[in-house]
Amino acid sequence: MNKLIYSLCITVALASHGFAQQEDSTDLLAEMNLVGNADFRFLFWKIYEAELYSTNGEYEYFENLPLALRLIYTRSFTAEHIVKETGNQFDILGLSEDSYAGWLQELGEILVAVEPGDALLLYVDTESASHFYFNNEYIGSIENSEFSRHFSAIWLARDDRYADLTRRLTGEEA
């Protein structure tokens, strides 16, 4: 009974923020248009395929919400590895560990291990809250606009060695 009440409270809270949690991300992507896609490689290994979606098929950093970023993995990773790499990327982006430690804890409670062919989807709603889906099924949310901005920046606001990935995802380069 407590789990039912908790789920109902979360659903009401999300709906009040302009996003009714959907158990399946298929409908979300059906309402969106592909902006760009790119493969992420480390040395000669393909790690994942990335796809960026927006409602109008265009992207302007955090000016055109909602947006969706889908990663389709080609290699296996534990949830802990993904969370640790997220922290590494926050470091590269210049964030202090104090500013993101809580986010990593929340992310660790949401994310799951991935195998080749699995897809993780980030959906950032119009209120800048992040909602996560694993193989189209809802797995959790982080309702913090600063988290959403910095987490999406890992893919969408790079001007470093990952700039080509950013340009392809954001439609600047085919």
N, C-alpha and C. Protein backbone atom coordinates (compact mmCIF):
# COMPACT_ATOMS: atom_id res chain seq x y z
N MET A 1 0.81 -1.20 0.00
CA MET A 1 0.00 0.00 0.00
C MET A 1 0.86 1.26 0.00
N ASN A 2 1.94 1.26 0.80
CA ASN A 2 2.82 2.43 0.84
C ASN A 2 3.43 2.70 -0.53
N LYS A 3 3.79 1.64 -1.26
CA LYS A 3 4.38 1.82 -2.58
C LYS A 3 3.37 2.46 -3.53
N LEU A 4 2.10 2.05 -3.43
CA LEU A 4 1.06 2.63 -4.26
C LEU A 4 0.88 4.11 -3.95
N ILE A 5 0.85 4.46 -2.69
CA ILE A 5 0.70 5.87 -2.29
C ILE A 5 1.90 6.68 -2.76
N TYR A 6 3.11 6.12 -2.61
CA TYR A 6 4.32 6.80 -3.06
C TYR A 6 4.26 7.04 -4.57
N SER A 7 3.89 6.02 -5.35
CA SER A 7 3.81 6.16 -6.80
C SER A 7 2.79 7.21 -7.20
N LEU A 8 1.66 7.22 -6.50
CA LEU A 8 0.63 8.21 -6.78
C LEU A 8 1.13 9.62 -6.49
N CYS A 9 1.83 9.81 -5.38
CA CYS A 9 2.39 11.12 -5.04
C CYS A 9 3.40 11.60 -6.08
N ILE A 10 4.26 10.70 -6.53
CA ILE A 10 5.25 11.05 -7.57
C ILE A 10 4.54 11.45 -8.85
N THR A 11 3.53 10.68 -9.25
CA THR A 11 2.79 10.99 -10.48
C THR A 11 2.11 12.35 -10.38
N VAL A 12 1.49 12.64 -9.26
CA VAL A 12 0.83 13.94 -9.06
C VAL A 12 1.87 15.06 -9.08
N ALA A 13 3.00 14.85 -8.43
CA ALA A 13 4.05 15.88 -8.40
C ALA A 13 4.58 16.15 -9.81
N LEU A 14 4.80 15.10 -10.58
CA LEU A 14 5.30 15.29 -11.94
C LEU A 14 4.25 15.99 -12.80
N ALA A 15 3.00 15.60 -12.66
CA ALA A 15 1.93 16.22 -13.44
C ALA A 15 1.82 17.70 -13.10
N SER A 16 2.02 18.05 -11.85
CA SER A 16 1.92 19.45 -11.46
C SER A 16 3.07 20.28 -12.00
N HIS A 17 4.14 19.63 -12.43
CA HIS A 17 5.27 20.32 -13.04
C HIS A 17 5.22 20.27 -14.56
N GLY A 18 4.08 19.93 -15.13
CA GLY A 18 3.93 19.95 -16.58
C GLY A 18 4.36 18.66 -17.25
N PHE A 19 4.59 17.61 -16.51
CA PHE A 19 5.02 16.35 -17.10
C PHE A 19 4.31 15.22 -16.38
N ALA A 20 3.45 14.55 -17.07
CA ALA A 20 2.81 13.37 -16.50
C ALA A 20 3.71 12.19 -16.81
N GLN A 21 4.27 11.59 -15.78
CA GLN A 21 5.20 10.48 -15.96
C GLN A 21 4.56 9.42 -16.84
N GLN A 22 5.29 9.01 -17.82
CA GLN A 22 4.83 7.95 -18.70
C GLN A 22 5.66 6.72 -18.42
N GLU A 23 5.01 5.59 -18.31
CA GLU A 23 5.71 4.34 -18.04
C GLU A 23 6.54 3.90 -19.24
N ASP A 24 6.21 4.39 -20.43
CA ASP A 24 6.86 3.97 -21.66
C ASP A 24 7.27 5.21 -22.45
N SER A 25 8.48 5.23 -22.96
CA SER A 25 8.97 6.41 -23.68
C SER A 25 8.60 6.42 -25.16
N THR A 26 7.96 5.38 -25.65
CA THR A 26 7.62 5.30 -27.07
C THR A 26 6.77 6.49 -27.50
N ASP A 27 5.76 6.84 -26.70
CA ASP A 27 4.90 7.97 -27.06
C ASP A 27 5.66 9.29 -27.02
N LEU A 28 6.61 9.43 -26.10
CA LEU A 28 7.40 10.65 -26.03
C LEU A 28 8.15 10.89 -27.34
N LEU A 29 8.84 9.85 -27.82
CA LEU A 29 9.62 10.01 -29.04
C LEU A 29 8.74 10.14 -30.27
N ALA A 30 7.55 9.56 -30.23
CA ALA A 30 6.64 9.66 -31.38
C ALA A 30 6.22 11.12 -31.60
N GLU A 31 6.24 11.92 -30.53
CA GLU A 31 5.85 13.32 -30.62
C GLU A 31 7.04 14.24 -30.91
N MET A 32 8.21 13.65 -31.14
CA MET A 32 9.42 14.45 -31.33
C MET A 32 10.06 14.15 -32.68
N ASN A 33 11.00 15.00 -33.06
CA ASN A 33 11.71 14.86 -34.33
C ASN A 33 13.21 14.75 -34.08
N LEU A 34 13.86 13.93 -34.86
CA LEU A 34 15.31 13.75 -34.74
C LEU A 34 16.04 15.04 -35.12
N VAL A 35 16.93 15.47 -34.23
CA VAL A 35 17.79 16.63 -34.50
C VAL A 35 19.08 16.15 -35.15
N GLY A 36 19.71 15.14 -34.54
CA GLY A 36 20.96 14.61 -35.06
C GLY A 36 21.32 13.32 -34.34
N ASN A 37 22.31 12.62 -34.90
CA ASN A 37 22.78 11.39 -34.26
C ASN A 37 24.28 11.26 -34.48
N ALA A 38 24.90 10.46 -33.63
CA ALA A 38 26.34 10.26 -33.70
C ALA A 38 26.72 9.00 -32.95
N ASP A 39 27.82 8.42 -33.35
CA ASP A 39 28.39 7.29 -32.61
C ASP A 39 29.47 7.84 -31.69
N PHE A 40 29.51 7.32 -30.47
CA PHE A 40 30.60 7.67 -29.57
C PHE A 40 31.57 6.51 -29.55
N ARG A 41 32.83 6.82 -29.84
CA ARG A 41 33.88 5.81 -29.85
C ARG A 41 34.98 6.21 -28.88
N PHE A 42 35.54 5.20 -28.24
CA PHE A 42 36.72 5.40 -27.41
C PHE A 42 37.82 4.57 -28.06
N LEU A 43 38.86 5.25 -28.52
CA LEU A 43 39.89 4.63 -29.35
C LEU A 43 39.20 3.99 -30.54
N PHE A 44 39.22 2.67 -30.68
CA PHE A 44 38.56 2.05 -31.82
C PHE A 44 37.30 1.28 -31.43
N TRP A 45 36.87 1.39 -30.15
CA TRP A 45 35.66 0.72 -29.70
C TRP A 45 34.46 1.65 -29.80
N LYS A 46 33.41 1.16 -30.40
CA LYS A 46 32.15 1.90 -30.40
C LYS A 46 31.47 1.64 -29.07
N ILE A 47 31.13 2.71 -28.34
CA ILE A 47 30.54 2.60 -27.01
C ILE A 47 29.01 2.67 -27.09
N TYR A 48 28.51 3.66 -27.82
CA TYR A 48 27.07 3.78 -28.00
C TYR A 48 26.75 4.63 -29.21
N GLU A 49 25.50 4.52 -29.64
CA GLU A 49 24.94 5.39 -30.65
C GLU A 49 24.07 6.40 -29.90
N ALA A 50 24.18 7.67 -30.25
CA ALA A 50 23.41 8.71 -29.57
C ALA A 50 22.47 9.38 -30.57
N GLU A 51 21.26 9.68 -30.09
CA GLU A 51 20.26 10.37 -30.91
C GLU A 51 19.65 11.48 -30.07
N LEU A 52 19.53 12.67 -30.66
CA LEU A 52 18.91 13.81 -29.98
C LEU A 52 17.60 14.15 -30.68
N TYR A 53 16.55 14.37 -29.87
CA TYR A 53 15.23 14.69 -30.37
C TYR A 53 14.72 15.98 -29.74
N SER A 54 13.95 16.75 -30.52
CA SER A 54 13.22 17.90 -30.00
C SER A 54 11.86 17.92 -30.70
N THR A 55 10.98 18.77 -30.23
CA THR A 55 9.64 18.79 -30.83
C THR A 55 9.67 19.31 -32.26
N ASN A 56 10.56 20.25 -32.56
CA ASN A 56 10.60 20.81 -33.92
C ASN A 56 11.80 20.35 -34.74
N GLY A 57 12.61 19.44 -34.21
CA GLY A 57 13.75 18.93 -34.96
C GLY A 57 14.95 19.85 -34.96
N GLU A 58 14.90 20.90 -34.12
CA GLU A 58 16.02 21.83 -34.01
C GLU A 58 16.48 21.86 -32.56
N TYR A 59 17.71 22.33 -32.37
CA TYR A 59 18.24 22.38 -31.02
C TYR A 59 18.96 23.68 -30.77
N GLU A 60 18.65 24.32 -29.67
CA GLU A 60 19.37 25.48 -29.16
C GLU A 60 19.53 25.23 -27.67
N TYR A 61 20.74 25.22 -27.18
CA TYR A 61 21.04 24.76 -25.82
C TYR A 61 20.08 25.32 -24.78
N PHE A 62 19.27 24.46 -24.27
CA PHE A 62 18.30 24.71 -23.21
C PHE A 62 17.32 25.83 -23.51
N GLU A 63 17.09 26.13 -24.78
CA GLU A 63 16.08 27.10 -25.16
C GLU A 63 14.89 26.41 -25.80
N ASN A 64 15.06 25.16 -26.20
CA ASN A 64 14.03 24.44 -26.93
C ASN A 64 13.71 23.15 -26.18
N LEU A 65 12.87 23.26 -25.14
CA LEU A 65 12.48 22.09 -24.35
C LEU A 65 11.03 21.75 -24.66
N PRO A 66 10.69 20.50 -24.61
CA PRO A 66 11.44 19.35 -24.13
C PRO A 66 12.46 18.86 -25.16
N LEU A 67 13.37 18.03 -24.66
CA LEU A 67 14.33 17.36 -25.52
C LEU A 67 14.51 15.94 -25.00
N ALA A 68 14.98 15.09 -25.88
CA ALA A 68 15.25 13.70 -25.49
C ALA A 68 16.58 13.28 -26.09
N LEU A 69 17.39 12.61 -25.30
CA LEU A 69 18.67 12.07 -25.73
C LEU A 69 18.64 10.57 -25.47
N ARG A 70 18.80 9.80 -26.53
CA ARG A 70 18.77 8.34 -26.39
C ARG A 70 20.15 7.78 -26.71
N LEU A 71 20.67 6.95 -25.80
CA LEU A 71 21.93 6.27 -25.99
C LEU A 71 21.65 4.78 -26.15
N ILE A 72 22.08 4.21 -27.26
CA ILE A 72 21.91 2.78 -27.51
C ILE A 72 23.30 2.16 -27.40
N TYR A 73 23.49 1.38 -26.35
CA TYR A 73 24.82 0.87 -26.01
C TYR A 73 25.24 -0.31 -26.89
N THR A 74 26.52 -0.35 -27.18
CA THR A 74 27.10 -1.46 -27.94
C THR A 74 28.07 -2.27 -27.08
N ARG A 75 28.22 -1.84 -25.83
CA ARG A 75 29.09 -2.53 -24.88
C ARG A 75 28.38 -2.61 -23.53
N SER A 76 28.83 -3.51 -22.68
CA SER A 76 28.25 -3.67 -21.34
C SER A 76 28.91 -2.73 -20.34
N PHE A 77 28.09 -2.16 -19.46
CA PHE A 77 28.58 -1.31 -18.38
C PHE A 77 27.70 -1.50 -17.16
N THR A 78 28.31 -1.47 -15.98
CA THR A 78 27.54 -1.48 -14.75
C THR A 78 26.98 -0.08 -14.51
N ALA A 79 25.95 -0.01 -13.70
CA ALA A 79 25.40 1.30 -13.34
C ALA A 79 26.47 2.13 -12.63
N GLU A 80 27.26 1.47 -11.79
CA GLU A 80 28.32 2.17 -11.05
C GLU A 80 29.33 2.80 -12.00
N HIS A 81 29.66 2.08 -13.08
CA HIS A 81 30.61 2.61 -14.06
C HIS A 81 30.03 3.86 -14.74
N ILE A 82 28.75 3.80 -15.10
CA ILE A 82 28.11 4.94 -15.77
C ILE A 82 28.08 6.15 -14.84
N VAL A 83 27.76 5.92 -13.57
CA VAL A 83 27.72 7.02 -12.59
C VAL A 83 29.12 7.60 -12.40
N LYS A 84 30.13 6.73 -12.28
CA LYS A 84 31.51 7.20 -12.10
C LYS A 84 31.95 8.02 -13.31
N GLU A 85 31.64 7.55 -14.52
CA GLU A 85 32.02 8.29 -15.72
C GLU A 85 31.28 9.62 -15.80
N THR A 86 30.06 9.66 -15.32
CA THR A 86 29.32 10.93 -15.27
C THR A 86 30.07 11.92 -14.38
N GLY A 87 30.56 11.47 -13.22
CA GLY A 87 31.36 12.33 -12.34
C GLY A 87 32.62 12.82 -13.05
N ASN A 88 33.29 11.93 -13.78
CA ASN A 88 34.49 12.33 -14.54
C ASN A 88 34.14 13.42 -15.55
N GLN A 89 32.99 13.27 -16.22
CA GLN A 89 32.59 14.27 -17.21
C GLN A 89 32.22 15.60 -16.54
N PHE A 90 31.60 15.55 -15.38
CA PHE A 90 31.31 16.78 -14.64
C PHE A 90 32.62 17.48 -14.27
N ASP A 91 33.65 16.70 -13.88
CA ASP A 91 34.96 17.29 -13.60
C ASP A 91 35.52 17.99 -14.83
N ILE A 92 35.45 17.33 -15.98
CA ILE A 92 35.96 17.90 -17.24
C ILE A 92 35.21 19.19 -17.58
N LEU A 93 33.91 19.21 -17.26
CA LEU A 93 33.12 20.41 -17.54
C LEU A 93 33.38 21.53 -16.55
N GLY A 94 34.20 21.26 -15.52
CA GLY A 94 34.60 22.30 -14.57
C GLY A 94 33.73 22.41 -13.34
N LEU A 95 32.90 21.42 -13.08
CA LEU A 95 32.07 21.46 -11.87
C LEU A 95 32.87 20.95 -10.68
N SER A 96 32.58 21.46 -9.51
CA SER A 96 33.23 20.96 -8.29
C SER A 96 32.49 19.72 -7.81
N GLU A 97 33.23 18.82 -7.20
CA GLU A 97 32.62 17.59 -6.70
C GLU A 97 31.52 17.89 -5.69
N ASP A 98 31.69 18.95 -4.90
CA ASP A 98 30.65 19.34 -3.94
C ASP A 98 29.33 19.67 -4.63
N SER A 99 29.41 20.25 -5.84
CA SER A 99 28.20 20.66 -6.53
C SER A 99 27.45 19.48 -7.15
N TYR A 100 28.14 18.39 -7.45
CA TYR A 100 27.47 17.29 -8.13
C TYR A 100 27.39 15.98 -7.34
N ALA A 101 27.97 15.89 -6.18
CA ALA A 101 27.97 14.63 -5.42
C ALA A 101 26.55 14.12 -5.15
N GLY A 102 25.65 15.00 -4.78
CA GLY A 102 24.27 14.60 -4.53
C GLY A 102 23.58 14.09 -5.79
N TRP A 103 23.89 14.72 -6.91
CA TRP A 103 23.30 14.28 -8.18
C TRP A 103 23.76 12.86 -8.51
N LEU A 104 25.04 12.58 -8.27
CA LEU A 104 25.55 11.24 -8.56
C LEU A 104 24.87 10.19 -7.69
N GLN A 105 24.60 10.56 -6.45
CA GLN A 105 23.91 9.63 -5.56
C GLN A 105 22.51 9.33 -6.10
N GLU A 106 21.78 10.38 -6.50
CA GLU A 106 20.45 10.19 -7.08
C GLU A 106 20.52 9.36 -8.35
N LEU A 107 21.49 9.67 -9.20
CA LEU A 107 21.66 8.95 -10.46
C LEU A 107 21.95 7.47 -10.19
N GLY A 108 22.75 7.20 -9.16
CA GLY A 108 23.07 5.82 -8.80
C GLY A 108 21.86 5.03 -8.36
N GLU A 109 20.86 5.71 -7.82
CA GLU A 109 19.62 5.04 -7.40
C GLU A 109 18.68 4.79 -8.57
N ILE A 110 18.93 5.45 -9.70
CA ILE A 110 18.06 5.33 -10.87
C ILE A 110 18.62 4.39 -11.92
N LEU A 111 19.89 4.58 -12.27
CA LEU A 111 20.47 3.86 -13.40
C LEU A 111 20.63 2.36 -13.13
N VAL A 112 20.68 1.63 -14.22
CA VAL A 112 20.85 0.18 -14.19
C VAL A 112 22.00 -0.21 -15.11
N ALA A 113 22.48 -1.44 -14.98
CA ALA A 113 23.53 -1.94 -15.88
C ALA A 113 22.97 -2.04 -17.30
N VAL A 114 23.85 -1.85 -18.26
CA VAL A 114 23.44 -1.96 -19.66
C VAL A 114 24.25 -3.04 -20.36
N GLU A 115 23.61 -3.66 -21.34
CA GLU A 115 24.22 -4.67 -22.20
C GLU A 115 24.11 -4.17 -23.64
N PRO A 116 24.87 -4.74 -24.57
CA PRO A 116 24.74 -4.32 -25.97
C PRO A 116 23.28 -4.40 -26.44
N GLY A 117 22.82 -3.33 -27.06
CA GLY A 117 21.45 -3.24 -27.55
C GLY A 117 20.51 -2.53 -26.60
N ASP A 118 20.91 -2.35 -25.33
CA ASP A 118 20.07 -1.62 -24.37
C ASP A 118 20.10 -0.14 -24.67
N ALA A 119 18.99 0.53 -24.36
CA ALA A 119 18.89 1.98 -24.58
C ALA A 119 18.53 2.69 -23.29
N LEU A 120 19.26 3.75 -23.01
CA LEU A 120 18.92 4.69 -21.93
C LEU A 120 18.44 5.97 -22.60
N LEU A 121 17.33 6.49 -22.10
CA LEU A 121 16.77 7.72 -22.66
C LEU A 121 16.67 8.75 -21.56
N LEU A 122 17.17 9.94 -21.84
CA LEU A 122 17.00 11.11 -20.98
C LEU A 122 15.94 11.99 -21.64
N TYR A 123 14.89 12.30 -20.90
CA TYR A 123 13.85 13.21 -21.38
C TYR A 123 13.84 14.41 -20.44
N VAL A 124 14.16 15.58 -20.97
CA VAL A 124 14.13 16.81 -20.18
C VAL A 124 12.85 17.54 -20.55
N ASP A 125 11.95 17.70 -19.57
CA ASP A 125 10.64 18.29 -19.83
C ASP A 125 10.72 19.82 -19.88
N THR A 126 9.59 20.45 -20.09
CA THR A 126 9.54 21.91 -20.23
C THR A 126 9.91 22.65 -18.95
N GLU A 127 9.90 21.96 -17.81
CA GLU A 127 10.30 22.55 -16.54
C GLU A 127 11.76 22.24 -16.19
N SER A 128 12.49 21.63 -17.15
CA SER A 128 13.91 21.28 -17.00
C SER A 128 14.16 20.15 -16.00
N ALA A 129 13.18 19.30 -15.77
CA ALA A 129 13.38 18.10 -14.95
C ALA A 129 13.82 16.96 -15.87
N SER A 130 14.68 16.10 -15.37
CA SER A 130 15.20 14.96 -16.13
C SER A 130 14.46 13.68 -15.76
N HIS A 131 14.00 12.98 -16.78
CA HIS A 131 13.30 11.71 -16.60
C HIS A 131 14.06 10.64 -17.39
N PHE A 132 14.28 9.50 -16.76
CA PHE A 132 15.10 8.45 -17.36
C PHE A 132 14.26 7.23 -17.69
N TYR A 133 14.60 6.63 -18.83
CA TYR A 133 13.94 5.42 -19.30
C TYR A 133 15.01 4.41 -19.69
N PHE A 134 14.77 3.15 -19.37
CA PHE A 134 15.65 2.05 -19.75
C PHE A 134 14.85 1.12 -20.64
N ASN A 135 15.31 0.95 -21.88
CA ASN A 135 14.59 0.14 -22.88
C ASN A 135 13.10 0.52 -22.90
N ASN A 136 12.85 1.81 -22.95
CA ASN A 136 11.53 2.45 -23.05
C ASN A 136 10.72 2.47 -21.75
N GLU A 137 11.18 1.84 -20.68
CA GLU A 137 10.43 1.83 -19.43
C GLU A 137 10.99 2.87 -18.46
N TYR A 138 10.09 3.62 -17.85
CA TYR A 138 10.47 4.66 -16.90
C TYR A 138 11.21 4.07 -15.70
N ILE A 139 12.36 4.70 -15.34
CA ILE A 139 13.13 4.20 -14.19
C ILE A 139 13.36 5.26 -13.12
N GLY A 140 13.07 6.52 -13.40
CA GLY A 140 13.24 7.53 -12.36
C GLY A 140 13.44 8.93 -12.91
N SER A 141 13.42 9.89 -12.00
CA SER A 141 13.54 11.31 -12.36
C SER A 141 14.44 12.04 -11.38
N ILE A 142 15.07 13.09 -11.87
CA ILE A 142 15.79 14.05 -11.04
C ILE A 142 15.23 15.41 -11.41
N GLU A 143 14.53 16.02 -10.46
CA GLU A 143 13.83 17.27 -10.73
C GLU A 143 14.67 18.45 -10.27
N ASN A 144 15.76 18.68 -10.99
CA ASN A 144 16.68 19.75 -10.67
C ASN A 144 17.19 20.32 -11.99
N SER A 145 16.84 21.56 -12.27
CA SER A 145 17.20 22.15 -13.56
C SER A 145 18.71 22.26 -13.75
N GLU A 146 19.45 22.51 -12.68
CA GLU A 146 20.91 22.59 -12.81
C GLU A 146 21.49 21.22 -13.17
N PHE A 147 20.97 20.17 -12.56
CA PHE A 147 21.40 18.83 -12.95
C PHE A 147 21.11 18.61 -14.43
N SER A 148 19.90 18.91 -14.87
CA SER A 148 19.51 18.69 -16.26
C SER A 148 20.42 19.45 -17.22
N ARG A 149 20.71 20.68 -16.89
CA ARG A 149 21.57 21.51 -17.74
C ARG A 149 22.98 20.92 -17.84
N HIS A 150 23.56 20.55 -16.70
CA HIS A 150 24.94 20.05 -16.70
C HIS A 150 25.03 18.62 -17.21
N PHE A 151 24.05 17.79 -16.88
CA PHE A 151 24.08 16.41 -17.36
C PHE A 151 23.95 16.38 -18.88
N SER A 152 23.04 17.15 -19.45
CA SER A 152 22.90 17.17 -20.91
C SER A 152 24.11 17.82 -21.57
N ALA A 153 24.80 18.70 -20.86
CA ALA A 153 26.00 19.35 -21.42
C ALA A 153 27.09 18.33 -21.73
N ILE A 154 27.07 17.19 -21.07
CA ILE A 154 28.06 16.14 -21.35
C ILE A 154 28.04 15.81 -22.84
N TRP A 155 26.87 15.86 -23.47
CA TRP A 155 26.75 15.55 -24.89
C TRP A 155 26.49 16.78 -25.75
N LEU A 156 25.84 17.80 -25.19
CA LEU A 156 25.28 18.86 -26.04
C LEU A 156 25.96 20.21 -25.96
N ALA A 157 26.95 20.37 -25.10
CA ALA A 157 27.59 21.69 -24.96
C ALA A 157 29.10 21.53 -24.85
N ARG A 158 29.66 20.75 -25.74
CA ARG A 158 31.09 20.47 -25.66
C ARG A 158 31.86 21.28 -26.70
N ASP A 159 33.01 21.76 -26.28
CA ASP A 159 33.93 22.45 -27.18
C ASP A 159 35.33 21.92 -26.89
N ASP A 160 35.43 20.61 -26.77
CA ASP A 160 36.69 19.96 -26.46
C ASP A 160 36.86 18.77 -27.39
N ARG A 161 37.48 17.72 -26.92
CA ARG A 161 37.73 16.57 -27.79
C ARG A 161 36.44 15.87 -28.22
N TYR A 162 35.30 16.18 -27.57
CA TYR A 162 34.01 15.61 -27.94
C TYR A 162 33.16 16.58 -28.75
N ALA A 163 33.75 17.65 -29.26
CA ALA A 163 33.00 18.68 -30.00
C ALA A 163 32.36 18.11 -31.26
N ASP A 164 33.00 17.16 -31.93
CA ASP A 164 32.40 16.56 -33.13
C ASP A 164 31.10 15.84 -32.80
N LEU A 165 31.10 15.11 -31.69
CA LEU A 165 29.89 14.42 -31.24
C LEU A 165 28.78 15.44 -31.00
N THR A 166 29.09 16.52 -30.31
CA THR A 166 28.11 17.57 -30.04
C THR A 166 27.56 18.16 -31.32
N ARG A 167 28.44 18.48 -32.27
CA ARG A 167 27.99 19.07 -33.53
C ARG A 167 27.06 18.14 -34.30
N ARG A 168 27.38 16.87 -34.34
CA ARG A 168 26.53 15.91 -35.05
C ARG A 168 25.18 15.74 -34.35
N LEU A 169 25.20 15.66 -33.02
CA LEU A 169 23.94 15.51 -32.28
C LEU A 169 23.04 16.72 -32.41
N THR A 170 23.61 17.89 -32.38
CA THR A 170 22.82 19.12 -32.39
C THR A 170 22.48 19.59 -33.81
N GLY A 171 22.83 18.78 -34.81
CA GLY A 171 22.46 19.08 -36.19
C GLY A 171 23.35 20.08 -36.88
N GLU A 172 24.46 20.46 -36.25
CA GLU A 172 25.37 21.41 -36.88
C GLU A 172 26.22 20.76 -37.97
N GLU A 173 26.36 19.46 -37.88
CA GLU A 173 27.24 18.72 -38.81
C GLU A 173 26.59 17.36 -39.08
N ALA A 174 26.44 17.04 -40.34
CA ALA A 174 25.82 15.74 -40.70
C ALA A 174 26.83 14.63 -40.68
